[in-house]
Every structure is written in structure tokens, then in C-alpha cells.
Amino acid sequence: MKKEIVHISPYYEPRMWGGGTRLETEFHYHTDVKPLGEVYNVVALPGHADCEIQQLKMTLSELYTAAPDWFDCDTKELPIRVNILDPMDDLSIQLHPDDAFARTWNGGRGKPEAWVILDAPEDGQIQFGHYAKNRDEFVRMTENREWEKLLRYLHTPVGGFIDIPAGTLHAIGQGVLTYNISRNADLTLRLYDYDRIDPNTGTTRPIQPEAVYDNVNLPDRLIEFEMLPSSLEQGLKATRYWDEPGLYTLIRLECEDRGTFIHDRFCFLTAAKGEGTVNGIPVRQGETILVPAGMGALQICGNLDLFLASYRNREQN
């Protein structure tokens, strides 16, 4: 299959905490799936959530199997996932376990992730981490519903980056627009969901406190937001957030006119703002394109704010 840059169609799932308008009016995500609160820009989980590539008439997971040279990865499945969230209510207090637990739970993988805050209200916040000193204290505070004593909250600086290792208790807050990168996996353990009733079922959503007790980081690592520096690189403002072999690479590329960026690995480019072209391929806010491995320098033109999501094999240190 001849390599070419292709557009990735977003995958939608309804979210009870969704229902805002920004994803539709600003990011051009038009769907009958309601309430809309989260968009999978890149996901390849066969039989569950799998982005389509319309010009190739196949899904992303099918392309990964049919054209391994497009990715050149050391993983059986596509290693990374990307999504954008615009919650109208707080997400549940949750965590993602490590690989060992995920294998025993559902045969899957752990899901470390990272967020960049695209926008947030002045009082925007996320729940992140906790104050319990040990397991017994964590369990006691949970059973007594001492949420104010247990749960740690952080203000959300626009442009801030935060790493979320497996076992980190977390929840995105109302109105906090985020770009997320993670391992291409799907296992969430909920500790608390505010006793909300899911309108689709008429009951509360399942929680898994015992599994959270077994997986939550104790004591918490007390991770903070980082405002990472940018550099001017061949006409582009580049911010390098993360680059870990075997996990993911995340870089932000901001273009005001034109610039060049060299990235030998495959990458997904998601436009957070603006419009323009990448190697002559048009892209606008909300769209994601896949650039296969070995395509050479990227020529970026226009007024574009792009997030580059990629992956380096474990031996590529």
C-alpha cells in the first residue's frame, strides 16, 4: 500500500457529562451522538472504538494490521490514543491501572495518559491525586465519604501540561477543555461518581472502589501542572511535552505562516485551532491527519496550532 497522508474520521461516544456546543461549533464535530462531550481523534480498539479512514475504506486498526510499514511499531496494536474533551459537568473520580492489573481484569493494557489544557474558566479545576497517607486511611476516608479531606484539586492553567501515571486518581472538571494523549487502551476504575443517575439506564453508574484501593498510588506523588518552554524551530513554535520510548511522544507545533518540521516516525497531527495545510493536505480545527513513517520533512502552512502524537519503539532511546 503506497504511503500517503490521510484524514482520520473522529469516533464519538455519548457522555452523560457532555452536552456543550464547543465541539460542534468550534471543532466542526457534527454527529447524532448525544450528549457530546468527548471525541476520539485517534483510537483503534477493534469491535469497540475504531476510527475510520474514509479515503482508504478501512478502520485505523485495519490499516495498522494491513500496512505495518506505515507505523513501524513494536506493538501488536496501535500504541497511542488521542481525544479531546469538553465536559459540562465533572467527570467521575477515577484511575487507570497498570498493565499487570489490566491483563487480569479484562486482558487489556494499562492506560497512562497526559493532558494539555486548551481552555478553562477562571475557576477551572481538575481533581488530581489525594491526601491519604496509606491504604487504611484511603479506605476509611472513602467509606466515610470524606471527599474534602481525601481529594486533591488543582487549578487549570491554559497551556498547562500534566502527566498522569497509572494509579493516579483524577477527574477533569466542568468547562475544562483538554487535549489528551494516552496508550491505546480502555480500562477505567471509578471511585466516586457523585451518586449521579445515568439517564440511559435510570440507575447510578458502576463504581469499583475495591479495585481502586488495589491500584491507587499510595502515598500520592503530588504531581503538578508544568508550563513547558517553547522554542523557534524552522519557522514553527515547538513545545516538547513528552518523549518516552514504549509510551508516547507529544509535541505542539504552532505556525503563523509557514515552517518545516522533521519527524521520521509516524505521527497523528490534530489541529487545536486555525486552518492551513501539511504537505499540501488541508487541515482545520478539529481535524486529525496521519502522516506515515518515513515521509520526510513536514511543510506546514497557514495559521495552525497542531498537536503531534507519535510513538518510539522501546529500543529507540
C-alpha atoms as a PDB file:
ATOM      1  CA  MET A   1       0.000   0.000   0.000  1.00  0.00           C
ATOM      2  CA  LYS A   2       1.516   3.286  -1.088  1.00  0.00           C
ATOM      3  CA  LYS A   3       2.092   5.667   1.791  1.00  0.00           C
ATOM      4  CA  GLU A   4       0.102   8.884   1.827  1.00  0.00           C
ATOM      5  CA  ILE A   5      -1.198  11.398   4.349  1.00  0.00           C
ATOM      6  CA  VAL A   6      -4.795  10.543   5.239  1.00  0.00           C
ATOM      7  CA  HIS A   7      -7.553  12.142   7.278  1.00  0.00           C
ATOM      8  CA  ILE A   8      -8.771  10.236  10.326  1.00  0.00           C
ATOM      9  CA  SER A   9     -12.510  10.439  10.984  1.00  0.00           C
ATOM     10  CA  PRO A  10     -13.374  11.050  14.639  1.00  0.00           C
ATOM     11  CA  TYR A  11     -15.143   8.412  16.686  1.00  0.00           C
ATOM     12  CA  TYR A  12     -17.948   9.501  19.015  1.00  0.00           C
ATOM     13  CA  GLU A  13     -19.473   8.057  22.156  1.00  0.00           C
ATOM     14  CA  PRO A  14     -22.195   9.714  24.258  1.00  0.00           C
ATOM     15  CA  ARG A  15     -21.145  11.087  27.637  1.00  0.00           C
ATOM     16  CA  MET A  16     -23.628  11.952  30.376  1.00  0.00           C
ATOM     17  CA  TRP A  17     -21.348  14.834  31.414  1.00  0.00           C
ATOM     18  CA  GLY A  18     -21.333  16.249  27.861  1.00  0.00           C
ATOM     19  CA  GLY A  19     -23.858  18.453  26.110  1.00  0.00           C
ATOM     20  CA  GLY A  20     -21.884  21.607  25.335  1.00  0.00           C
ATOM     21  CA  THR A  21     -21.598  23.301  21.953  1.00  0.00           C
ATOM     22  CA  ARG A  22     -17.870  23.988  21.519  1.00  0.00           C
ATOM     23  CA  LEU A  23     -17.011  20.631  19.987  1.00  0.00           C
ATOM     24  CA  GLU A  24     -19.602  21.198  17.287  1.00  0.00           C
ATOM     25  CA  THR A  25     -19.330  24.944  16.651  1.00  0.00           C
ATOM     26  CA  GLU A  26     -15.559  25.398  17.029  1.00  0.00           C
ATOM     27  CA  PHE A  27     -14.135  21.970  16.196  1.00  0.00           C
ATOM     28  CA  HIS A  28     -16.667  21.026  13.487  1.00  0.00           C
ATOM     29  CA  TYR A  29     -17.654  17.726  15.108  1.00  0.00           C
ATOM     30  CA  HIS A  30     -21.120  17.084  13.691  1.00  0.00           C
ATOM     31  CA  THR A  31     -22.777  13.915  14.926  1.00  0.00           C
ATOM     32  CA  ASP A  32     -26.100  12.497  16.032  1.00  0.00           C
ATOM     33  CA  VAL A  33     -24.346  11.034  19.083  1.00  0.00           C
ATOM     34  CA  LYS A  34     -25.643  12.979  22.095  1.00  0.00           C
ATOM     35  CA  PRO A  35     -24.742  14.286  24.578  1.00  0.00           C
ATOM     36  CA  LEU A  36     -21.378  15.016  23.003  1.00  0.00           C
ATOM     37  CA  GLY A  37     -18.557  15.670  25.440  1.00  0.00           C
ATOM     38  CA  GLU A  38     -15.614  13.599  24.214  1.00  0.00           C
ATOM     39  CA  VAL A  39     -14.215  12.935  20.760  1.00  0.00           C
ATOM     40  CA  TYR A  40     -11.767  10.169  19.936  1.00  0.00           C
ATOM     41  CA  ASN A  41      -9.447  11.700  17.350  1.00  0.00           C
ATOM     42  CA  VAL A  42      -7.269   8.579  17.327  1.00  0.00           C
ATOM     43  CA  VAL A  43      -8.443   5.222  18.652  1.00  0.00           C
ATOM     44  CA  ALA A  44      -8.034   1.703  17.287  1.00  0.00           C
ATOM     45  CA  LEU A  45      -9.807  -0.825  19.503  1.00  0.00           C
ATOM     46  CA  PRO A  46     -11.402  -3.396  17.161  1.00  0.00           C
ATOM     47  CA  GLY A  47     -15.007  -4.154  17.991  1.00  0.00           C
ATOM     48  CA  HIS A  48     -15.245  -1.266  20.423  1.00  0.00           C
ATOM     49  CA  ALA A  49     -13.970   2.136  19.320  1.00  0.00           C
ATOM     50  CA  ASP A  50     -12.179   2.380  15.988  1.00  0.00           C
ATOM     51  CA  CYS A  51     -11.693   5.489  13.851  1.00  0.00           C
ATOM     52  CA  GLU A  52     -12.481   5.234  10.157  1.00  0.00           C
ATOM     53  CA  ILE A  53     -10.231   6.312   7.278  1.00  0.00           C
ATOM     54  CA  GLN A  54     -12.785   7.057   4.602  1.00  0.00           C
ATOM     55  CA  GLN A  55     -10.391   7.506   1.696  1.00  0.00           C
ATOM     56  CA  LEU A  56      -8.939   4.043   2.346  1.00  0.00           C
ATOM     57  CA  LYS A  57     -12.310   2.455   3.212  1.00  0.00           C
ATOM     58  CA  MET A  58     -10.949   0.852   6.349  1.00  0.00           C
ATOM     59  CA  THR A  59     -10.646   1.451  10.067  1.00  0.00           C
ATOM     60  CA  LEU A  60      -7.490   2.573  11.812  1.00  0.00           C
ATOM     61  CA  SER A  61      -6.963  -0.832  13.398  1.00  0.00           C
ATOM     62  CA  GLU A  62      -7.334  -2.470   9.982  1.00  0.00           C
ATOM     63  CA  LEU A  63      -4.756  -0.119   8.488  1.00  0.00           C
ATOM     64  CA  TYR A  64      -2.367  -0.855  11.342  1.00  0.00           C
ATOM     65  CA  THR A  65      -2.583  -4.572  10.519  1.00  0.00           C
ATOM     66  CA  ALA A  66      -2.591  -4.219   6.736  1.00  0.00           C
ATOM     67  CA  ALA A  67       0.232  -1.678   6.420  1.00  0.00           C
ATOM     68  CA  PRO A  68       2.741  -2.145   9.257  1.00  0.00           C
ATOM     69  CA  ASP A  69       5.363  -0.133   7.366  1.00  0.00           C
ATOM     70  CA  TRP A  70       3.176   2.960   7.815  1.00  0.00           C
ATOM     71  CA  PHE A  71       3.843   2.732  11.569  1.00  0.00           C
ATOM     72  CA  ASP A  72       6.968   0.590  12.108  1.00  0.00           C
ATOM     73  CA  CYS A  73       5.980  -0.180  15.698  1.00  0.00           C
ATOM     74  CA  ASP A  74       6.974  -2.905  18.130  1.00  0.00           C
ATOM     75  CA  THR A  75       3.401  -3.329  19.418  1.00  0.00           C
ATOM     76  CA  LYS A  76       0.659  -5.716  18.278  1.00  0.00           C
ATOM     77  CA  GLU A  77      -1.903  -2.897  18.374  1.00  0.00           C
ATOM     78  CA  LEU A  78      -1.612   0.787  17.565  1.00  0.00           C
ATOM     79  CA  PRO A  79       0.158   2.103  20.676  1.00  0.00           C
ATOM     80  CA  ILE A  80      -1.413   5.554  21.149  1.00  0.00           C
ATOM     81  CA  ARG A  81      -4.803   7.194  21.523  1.00  0.00           C
ATOM     82  CA  VAL A  82      -5.857  10.850  21.277  1.00  0.00           C
ATOM     83  CA  ASN A  83      -9.058  12.547  22.382  1.00  0.00           C
ATOM     84  CA  ILE A  84     -10.477  16.000  23.097  1.00  0.00           C
ATOM     85  CA  LEU A  85     -12.870  16.597  25.989  1.00  0.00           C
ATOM     86  CA  ASP A  86     -15.281  19.447  26.698  1.00  0.00           C
ATOM     87  CA  PRO A  87     -17.177  18.448  29.859  1.00  0.00           C
ATOM     88  CA  MET A  88     -20.270  20.287  31.027  1.00  0.00           C
ATOM     89  CA  ASP A  89     -20.026  18.504  34.380  1.00  0.00           C
ATOM     90  CA  ASP A  90     -17.219  16.967  36.414  1.00  0.00           C
ATOM     91  CA  LEU A  91     -16.020  13.536  35.333  1.00  0.00           C
ATOM     92  CA  SER A  92     -16.116  10.705  37.849  1.00  0.00           C
ATOM     93  CA  ILE A  93     -13.261  10.310  40.340  1.00  0.00           C
ATOM     94  CA  GLN A  94     -11.281   7.543  38.649  1.00  0.00           C
ATOM     95  CA  LEU A  95      -7.940   5.987  37.809  1.00  0.00           C
ATOM     96  CA  HIS A  96      -6.365   3.749  35.190  1.00  0.00           C
ATOM     97  CA  PRO A  97      -4.399   0.708  36.422  1.00  0.00           C
ATOM     98  CA  ASP A  98      -1.061  -0.626  35.251  1.00  0.00           C
ATOM     99  CA  ASP A  99      -0.505  -3.335  32.644  1.00  0.00           C
ATOM    100  CA  ALA A 100      -0.345  -6.231  35.112  1.00  0.00           C
ATOM    101  CA  PHE A 101      -3.736  -5.447  36.647  1.00  0.00           C
ATOM    102  CA  ALA A 102      -5.343  -4.700  33.264  1.00  0.00           C
ATOM    103  CA  ARG A 103      -4.298  -8.107  31.947  1.00  0.00           C
ATOM    104  CA  THR A 104      -6.044  -9.851  34.830  1.00  0.00           C
ATOM    105  CA  TRP A 105      -9.123  -7.576  34.707  1.00  0.00           C
ATOM    106  CA  ASN A 106     -10.039  -7.675  31.019  1.00  0.00           C
ATOM    107  CA  GLY A 107      -6.993  -8.902  29.116  1.00  0.00           C
ATOM    108  CA  GLY A 108      -6.105  -5.341  28.137  1.00  0.00           C
ATOM    109  CA  ARG A 109      -3.361  -2.877  28.919  1.00  0.00           C
ATOM    110  CA  GLY A 110      -2.855  -0.096  31.404  1.00  0.00           C
ATOM    111  CA  LYS A 111      -3.562   3.455  30.324  1.00  0.00           C
ATOM    112  CA  PRO A 112      -1.079   6.104  31.437  1.00  0.00           C
ATOM    113  CA  GLU A 113      -2.011   9.431  29.882  1.00  0.00           C
ATOM    114  CA  ALA A 114      -1.264  13.144  29.774  1.00  0.00           C
ATOM    115  CA  TRP A 115      -3.330  16.294  29.301  1.00  0.00           C
ATOM    116  CA  VAL A 116      -2.767  19.749  27.869  1.00  0.00           C
ATOM    117  CA  ILE A 117      -5.321  22.371  28.941  1.00  0.00           C
ATOM    118  CA  LEU A 118      -6.665  24.071  25.798  1.00  0.00           C
ATOM    119  CA  ASP A 119      -9.048  26.376  27.635  1.00  0.00           C
ATOM    120  CA  ALA A 120     -10.647  26.690  31.051  1.00  0.00           C
ATOM    121  CA  PRO A 121     -12.808  29.082  33.064  1.00  0.00           C
ATOM    122  CA  GLU A 122     -11.084  31.276  35.656  1.00  0.00           C
ATOM    123  CA  ASP A 123     -12.216  28.919  38.409  1.00  0.00           C
ATOM    124  CA  GLY A 124     -11.495  25.791  36.351  1.00  0.00           C
ATOM    125  CA  GLN A 125     -10.024  22.841  38.179  1.00  0.00           C
ATOM    126  CA  ILE A 126      -9.277  19.162  37.974  1.00  0.00           C
ATOM    127  CA  GLN A 127      -9.333  16.560  40.705  1.00  0.00           C
ATOM    128  CA  PHE A 128      -5.831  15.130  40.824  1.00  0.00           C
ATOM    129  CA  GLY A 129      -4.372  12.849  43.466  1.00  0.00           C
ATOM    130  CA  HIS A 130      -5.262  12.546  47.138  1.00  0.00           C
ATOM    131  CA  TYR A 131      -4.063  13.252  50.670  1.00  0.00           C
ATOM    132  CA  ALA A 132      -4.314   9.794  52.278  1.00  0.00           C
ATOM    133  CA  LYS A 133      -1.066   8.603  53.836  1.00  0.00           C
ATOM    134  CA  ASN A 134      -1.766   4.883  53.459  1.00  0.00           C
ATOM    135  CA  ARG A 135      -4.340   2.348  52.292  1.00  0.00           C
ATOM    136  CA  ASP A 136      -6.214   2.184  55.582  1.00  0.00           C
ATOM    137  CA  GLU A 137      -6.656   5.948  55.637  1.00  0.00           C
ATOM    138  CA  PHE A 138      -7.695   5.985  51.971  1.00  0.00           C
ATOM    139  CA  VAL A 139     -10.332   3.296  52.557  1.00  0.00           C
ATOM    140  CA  ARG A 140     -11.642   4.966  55.717  1.00  0.00           C
ATOM    141  CA  MET A 141     -11.989   8.377  54.064  1.00  0.00           C
ATOM    142  CA  THR A 142     -13.754   6.798  51.084  1.00  0.00           C
ATOM    143  CA  GLU A 143     -16.187   4.742  53.158  1.00  0.00           C
ATOM    144  CA  ASN A 144     -16.966   7.789  55.321  1.00  0.00           C
ATOM    145  CA  ARG A 145     -17.315   9.925  52.173  1.00  0.00           C
ATOM    146  CA  GLU A 146     -14.790  12.438  53.474  1.00  0.00           C
ATOM    147  CA  TRP A 147     -14.166  13.744  49.981  1.00  0.00           C
ATOM    148  CA  GLU A 148     -12.959  17.197  51.057  1.00  0.00           C
ATOM    149  CA  LYS A 149     -10.230  15.625  53.179  1.00  0.00           C
ATOM    150  CA  LEU A 150      -9.301  12.922  50.683  1.00  0.00           C
ATOM    151  CA  LEU A 151      -9.405  14.522  47.235  1.00  0.00           C
ATOM    152  CA  ARG A 152      -6.791  16.952  45.933  1.00  0.00           C
ATOM    153  CA  TYR A 153      -7.707  19.619  43.374  1.00  0.00           C
ATOM    154  CA  LEU A 154      -5.547  21.714  41.043  1.00  0.00           C
ATOM    155  CA  HIS A 155      -6.252  24.973  39.213  1.00  0.00           C
ATOM    156  CA  THR A 156      -6.114  24.511  35.430  1.00  0.00           C
ATOM    157  CA  PRO A 157      -3.678  26.910  33.710  1.00  0.00           C
ATOM    158  CA  VAL A 158      -4.376  27.287  29.988  1.00  0.00           C
ATOM    159  CA  GLY A 159      -1.441  25.697  28.178  1.00  0.00           C
ATOM    160  CA  GLY A 160      -0.523  23.640  31.226  1.00  0.00           C
ATOM    161  CA  PHE A 161       0.702  20.069  30.795  1.00  0.00           C
ATOM    162  CA  ILE A 162       0.251  17.296  33.333  1.00  0.00           C
ATOM    163  CA  ASP A 163       1.480  13.704  33.345  1.00  0.00           C
ATOM    164  CA  ILE A 164      -0.915  11.055  34.687  1.00  0.00           C
ATOM    165  CA  PRO A 165       0.879   7.812  35.545  1.00  0.00           C
ATOM    166  CA  ALA A 166      -1.096   4.636  36.114  1.00  0.00           C
ATOM    167  CA  GLY A 167      -2.682   4.612  39.560  1.00  0.00           C
ATOM    168  CA  THR A 168      -3.256   8.377  39.690  1.00  0.00           C
ATOM    169  CA  LEU A 169      -6.668   9.426  40.963  1.00  0.00           C
ATOM    170  CA  HIS A 170      -8.073  12.086  38.627  1.00  0.00           C
ATOM    171  CA  ALA A 171     -11.116  13.786  37.065  1.00  0.00           C
ATOM    172  CA  ILE A 172     -11.424  16.620  34.564  1.00  0.00           C
ATOM    173  CA  GLY A 173     -13.605  19.428  35.862  1.00  0.00           C
ATOM    174  CA  GLN A 174     -16.553  21.238  34.338  1.00  0.00           C
ATOM    175  CA  GLY A 175     -15.664  23.523  31.435  1.00  0.00           C
ATOM    176  CA  VAL A 176     -12.019  22.420  31.195  1.00  0.00           C
ATOM    177  CA  LEU A 177     -11.269  21.804  27.509  1.00  0.00           C
ATOM    178  CA  THR A 178      -8.406  19.331  27.187  1.00  0.00           C
ATOM    179  CA  TYR A 179      -6.282  17.529  24.611  1.00  0.00           C
ATOM    180  CA  ASN A 180      -5.462  14.038  25.866  1.00  0.00           C
ATOM    181  CA  ILE A 181      -2.873  11.513  24.767  1.00  0.00           C
ATOM    182  CA  SER A 182      -2.742   8.014  26.203  1.00  0.00           C
ATOM    183  CA  ARG A 183      -1.934   4.438  25.470  1.00  0.00           C
ATOM    184  CA  ASN A 184      -4.471   2.917  23.071  1.00  0.00           C
ATOM    185  CA  ALA A 185      -6.385   1.118  25.828  1.00  0.00           C
ATOM    186  CA  ASP A 186      -9.674   1.416  27.659  1.00  0.00           C
ATOM    187  CA  LEU A 187      -9.866   0.475  31.328  1.00  0.00           C
ATOM    188  CA  THR A 188     -11.223   2.961  33.857  1.00  0.00           C
ATOM    189  CA  LEU A 189     -11.856   2.202  37.528  1.00  0.00           C
ATOM    190  CA  ARG A 190     -14.261   4.591  39.260  1.00  0.00           C
ATOM    191  CA  LEU A 191     -14.074   5.502  42.923  1.00  0.00           C
ATOM    192  CA  TYR A 192     -16.936   8.016  43.091  1.00  0.00           C
ATOM    193  CA  ASP A 193     -19.497   9.382  40.636  1.00  0.00           C
ATOM    194  CA  TYR A 194     -21.402  11.866  42.847  1.00  0.00           C
ATOM    195  CA  ASP A 195     -24.380   9.430  43.019  1.00  0.00           C
ATOM    196  CA  ARG A 196     -25.451  10.639  39.577  1.00  0.00           C
ATOM    197  CA  ILE A 197     -28.244   8.854  37.732  1.00  0.00           C
ATOM    198  CA  ASP A 198     -27.405   7.823  34.184  1.00  0.00           C
ATOM    199  CA  PRO A 199     -30.422   8.910  32.101  1.00  0.00           C
ATOM    200  CA  ASN A 200     -29.854   5.994  29.723  1.00  0.00           C
ATOM    201  CA  THR A 201     -30.194   3.371  32.447  1.00  0.00           C
ATOM    202  CA  GLY A 202     -32.103   5.163  35.209  1.00  0.00           C
ATOM    203  CA  THR A 203     -29.514   3.984  37.737  1.00  0.00           C
ATOM    204  CA  THR A 204     -26.137   5.087  39.061  1.00  0.00           C
ATOM    205  CA  ARG A 205     -23.077   4.118  37.068  1.00  0.00           C
ATOM    206  CA  PRO A 206     -20.948   1.238  38.391  1.00  0.00           C
ATOM    207  CA  ILE A 207     -18.047   2.054  40.712  1.00  0.00           C
ATOM    208  CA  GLN A 208     -15.117  -0.202  41.588  1.00  0.00           C
ATOM    209  CA  PRO A 209     -13.759   1.010  44.955  1.00  0.00           C
ATOM    210  CA  GLU A 210     -12.025  -2.257  45.875  1.00  0.00           C
ATOM    211  CA  ALA A 211     -10.131  -2.264  42.576  1.00  0.00           C
ATOM    212  CA  VAL A 212      -9.213   1.393  43.126  1.00  0.00           C
ATOM    213  CA  TYR A 213      -7.853   0.514  46.591  1.00  0.00           C
ATOM    214  CA  ASP A 214      -5.622  -2.105  44.963  1.00  0.00           C
ATOM    215  CA  ASN A 215      -4.298   0.274  42.297  1.00  0.00           C
ATOM    216  CA  VAL A 216      -4.193   3.815  43.656  1.00  0.00           C
ATOM    217  CA  ASN A 217      -0.734   5.279  44.220  1.00  0.00           C
ATOM    218  CA  LEU A 218      -0.014   5.328  47.955  1.00  0.00           C
ATOM    219  CA  PRO A 219       1.168   7.772  49.031  1.00  0.00           C
ATOM    220  CA  ASP A 220       0.226  10.049  46.158  1.00  0.00           C
ATOM    221  CA  ARG A 221       3.027  11.520  44.013  1.00  0.00           C
ATOM    222  CA  LEU A 222       1.573  15.058  44.235  1.00  0.00           C
ATOM    223  CA  ILE A 223       2.249  15.824  40.560  1.00  0.00           C
ATOM    224  CA  GLU A 224       1.719  19.441  39.438  1.00  0.00           C
ATOM    225  CA  PHE A 225       0.994  21.172  36.145  1.00  0.00           C
ATOM    226  CA  GLU A 226       4.019  22.250  34.101  1.00  0.00           C
ATOM    227  CA  MET A 227       4.276  25.254  31.809  1.00  0.00           C
ATOM    228  CA  LEU A 228       6.949  23.972  29.456  1.00  0.00           C
ATOM    229  CA  PRO A 229       9.109  26.327  27.374  1.00  0.00           C
ATOM    230  CA  SER A 230       8.797  26.607  23.608  1.00  0.00           C
ATOM    231  CA  SER A 231      11.494  27.108  21.004  1.00  0.00           C
ATOM    232  CA  LEU A 232      11.506  28.536  17.488  1.00  0.00           C
ATOM    233  CA  GLU A 233      12.358  25.746  15.055  1.00  0.00           C
ATOM    234  CA  GLN A 234      12.421  26.428  11.304  1.00  0.00           C
ATOM    235  CA  GLY A 235       9.528  28.853  11.394  1.00  0.00           C
ATOM    236  CA  LEU A 236       7.477  26.956  13.984  1.00  0.00           C
ATOM    237  CA  LYS A 237       6.968  27.428  17.708  1.00  0.00           C
ATOM    238  CA  ALA A 238       7.598  23.949  19.140  1.00  0.00           C
ATOM    239  CA  THR A 239       6.733  22.761  22.644  1.00  0.00           C
ATOM    240  CA  ARG A 240       8.065  19.315  23.515  1.00  0.00           C
ATOM    241  CA  TYR A 241       5.905  17.852  26.264  1.00  0.00           C
ATOM    242  CA  TRP A 242       6.861  14.177  26.444  1.00  0.00           C
ATOM    243  CA  ASP A 243       9.020  11.640  24.617  1.00  0.00           C
ATOM    244  CA  GLU A 244       9.240   8.219  26.248  1.00  0.00           C
ATOM    245  CA  PRO A 245      10.111   5.092  24.238  1.00  0.00           C
ATOM    246  CA  GLY A 246       7.412   2.477  24.618  1.00  0.00           C
ATOM    247  CA  LEU A 247       4.781   5.035  25.696  1.00  0.00           C
ATOM    248  CA  TYR A 248       4.235   8.132  23.522  1.00  0.00           C
ATOM    249  CA  THR A 249       5.684  11.321  22.096  1.00  0.00           C
ATOM    250  CA  LEU A 250       3.784  14.616  22.315  1.00  0.00           C
ATOM    251  CA  ILE A 251       4.848  17.878  20.644  1.00  0.00           C
ATOM    252  CA  ARG A 252       2.900  21.080  19.968  1.00  0.00           C
ATOM    253  CA  LEU A 253       3.621  22.917  16.719  1.00  0.00           C
ATOM    254  CA  GLU A 254       2.305  26.454  16.282  1.00  0.00           C
ATOM    255  CA  CYS A 255       2.525  28.017  12.835  1.00  0.00           C
ATOM    256  CA  GLU A 256       1.666  31.615  11.942  1.00  0.00           C
ATOM    257  CA  ASP A 257       2.689  31.487   8.271  1.00  0.00           C
ATOM    258  CA  ARG A 258       4.900  28.589   7.218  1.00  0.00           C
ATOM    259  CA  GLY A 259       7.509  26.307   8.701  1.00  0.00           C
ATOM    260  CA  THR A 260       9.235  22.946   8.426  1.00  0.00           C
ATOM    261  CA  PHE A 261       9.363  20.099  10.918  1.00  0.00           C
ATOM    262  CA  ILE A 262      11.296  16.849  10.600  1.00  0.00           C
ATOM    263  CA  HIS A 263       9.845  13.783  12.307  1.00  0.00           C
ATOM    264  CA  ASP A 264      10.889  10.379  10.950  1.00  0.00           C
ATOM    265  CA  ARG A 265       8.343   8.364  12.922  1.00  0.00           C
ATOM    266  CA  PHE A 266       4.653   8.163  12.027  1.00  0.00           C
ATOM    267  CA  CYS A 267       2.527  10.847  13.645  1.00  0.00           C
ATOM    268  CA  PHE A 268      -1.029  11.992  14.086  1.00  0.00           C
ATOM    269  CA  LEU A 269      -1.470  15.755  13.733  1.00  0.00           C
ATOM    270  CA  THR A 270      -4.582  17.204  15.374  1.00  0.00           C
ATOM    271  CA  ALA A 271      -5.487  20.845  14.780  1.00  0.00           C
ATOM    272  CA  ALA A 272      -6.500  22.516  18.043  1.00  0.00           C
ATOM    273  CA  LYS A 273      -7.010  25.862  16.285  1.00  0.00           C
ATOM    274  CA  GLY A 274      -6.810  27.502  12.882  1.00  0.00           C
ATOM    275  CA  GLU A 275      -6.510  26.074   9.401  1.00  0.00           C
ATOM    276  CA  GLY A 276      -3.832  25.502   6.797  1.00  0.00           C
ATOM    277  CA  THR A 277      -2.001  22.670   5.070  1.00  0.00           C
ATOM    278  CA  VAL A 278       0.535  19.963   5.870  1.00  0.00           C
ATOM    279  CA  ASN A 279       2.483  18.907   2.778  1.00  0.00           C
ATOM    280  CA  GLY A 280      -0.350  20.405   0.770  1.00  0.00           C
ATOM    281  CA  ILE A 281      -3.074  18.462   2.603  1.00  0.00           C
ATOM    282  CA  PRO A 282      -5.717  20.811   4.041  1.00  0.00           C
ATOM    283  CA  VAL A 283      -6.431  20.610   7.764  1.00  0.00           C
ATOM    284  CA  ARG A 284      -8.573  22.766  10.022  1.00  0.00           C
ATOM    285  CA  GLN A 285      -9.509  22.968  13.688  1.00  0.00           C
ATOM    286  CA  GLY A 286     -10.747  19.603  14.958  1.00  0.00           C
ATOM    287  CA  GLU A 287      -9.303  17.522  12.137  1.00  0.00           C
ATOM    288  CA  THR A 288      -6.648  14.841  12.510  1.00  0.00           C
ATOM    289  CA  ILE A 289      -4.332  13.526   9.817  1.00  0.00           C
ATOM    290  CA  LEU A 290      -1.993  10.548   9.850  1.00  0.00           C
ATOM    291  CA  VAL A 291       1.485  11.021   8.433  1.00  0.00           C
ATOM    292  CA  PRO A 292       3.064   7.581   7.838  1.00  0.00           C
ATOM    293  CA  ALA A 293       6.625   6.811   8.919  1.00  0.00           C
ATOM    294  CA  GLY A 294       9.449   7.907   6.649  1.00  0.00           C
ATOM    295  CA  MET A 295       7.580  10.670   4.801  1.00  0.00           C
ATOM    296  CA  GLY A 296      10.360  13.190   5.331  1.00  0.00           C
ATOM    297  CA  ALA A 297      10.050  16.834   6.309  1.00  0.00           C
ATOM    298  CA  LEU A 298       6.631  18.283   7.054  1.00  0.00           C
ATOM    299  CA  GLN A 299       5.886  21.548   5.303  1.00  0.00           C
ATOM    300  CA  ILE A 300       3.281  23.371   7.406  1.00  0.00           C
ATOM    301  CA  CYS A 301       1.499  26.449   6.042  1.00  0.00           C
ATOM    302  CA  GLY A 302      -1.227  28.673   7.408  1.00  0.00           C
ATOM    303  CA  ASN A 303      -2.333  29.686  10.879  1.00  0.00           C
ATOM    304  CA  LEU A 304      -2.287  26.359  12.711  1.00  0.00           C
ATOM    305  CA  ASP A 305      -1.967  25.082  16.255  1.00  0.00           C
ATOM    306  CA  LEU A 306      -1.123  21.390  15.870  1.00  0.00           C
ATOM    307  CA  PHE A 307      -0.555  18.608  18.370  1.00  0.00           C
ATOM    308  CA  LEU A 308       1.800  15.902  17.137  1.00  0.00           C
ATOM    309  CA  ALA A 309       1.189  12.486  18.727  1.00  0.00           C
ATOM    310  CA  SER A 310       3.659   9.733  17.972  1.00  0.00           C
ATOM    311  CA  TYR A 311       5.490   6.729  19.396  1.00  0.00           C
ATOM    312  CA  ARG A 312       9.073   5.497  19.620  1.00  0.00           C
ATOM    313  CA  ASN A 313       9.873   1.817  19.954  1.00  0.00           C
ATOM    314  CA  ARG A 314      11.402   0.704  23.240  1.00  0.00           C
ATOM    315  CA  GLU A 315      14.865   0.189  21.757  1.00  0.00           C
ATOM    316  CA  GLN A 316      14.896   3.676  20.225  1.00  0.00           C
ATOM    317  CA  ASN A 317      16.500   5.510  23.123  1.00  0.00           C
END
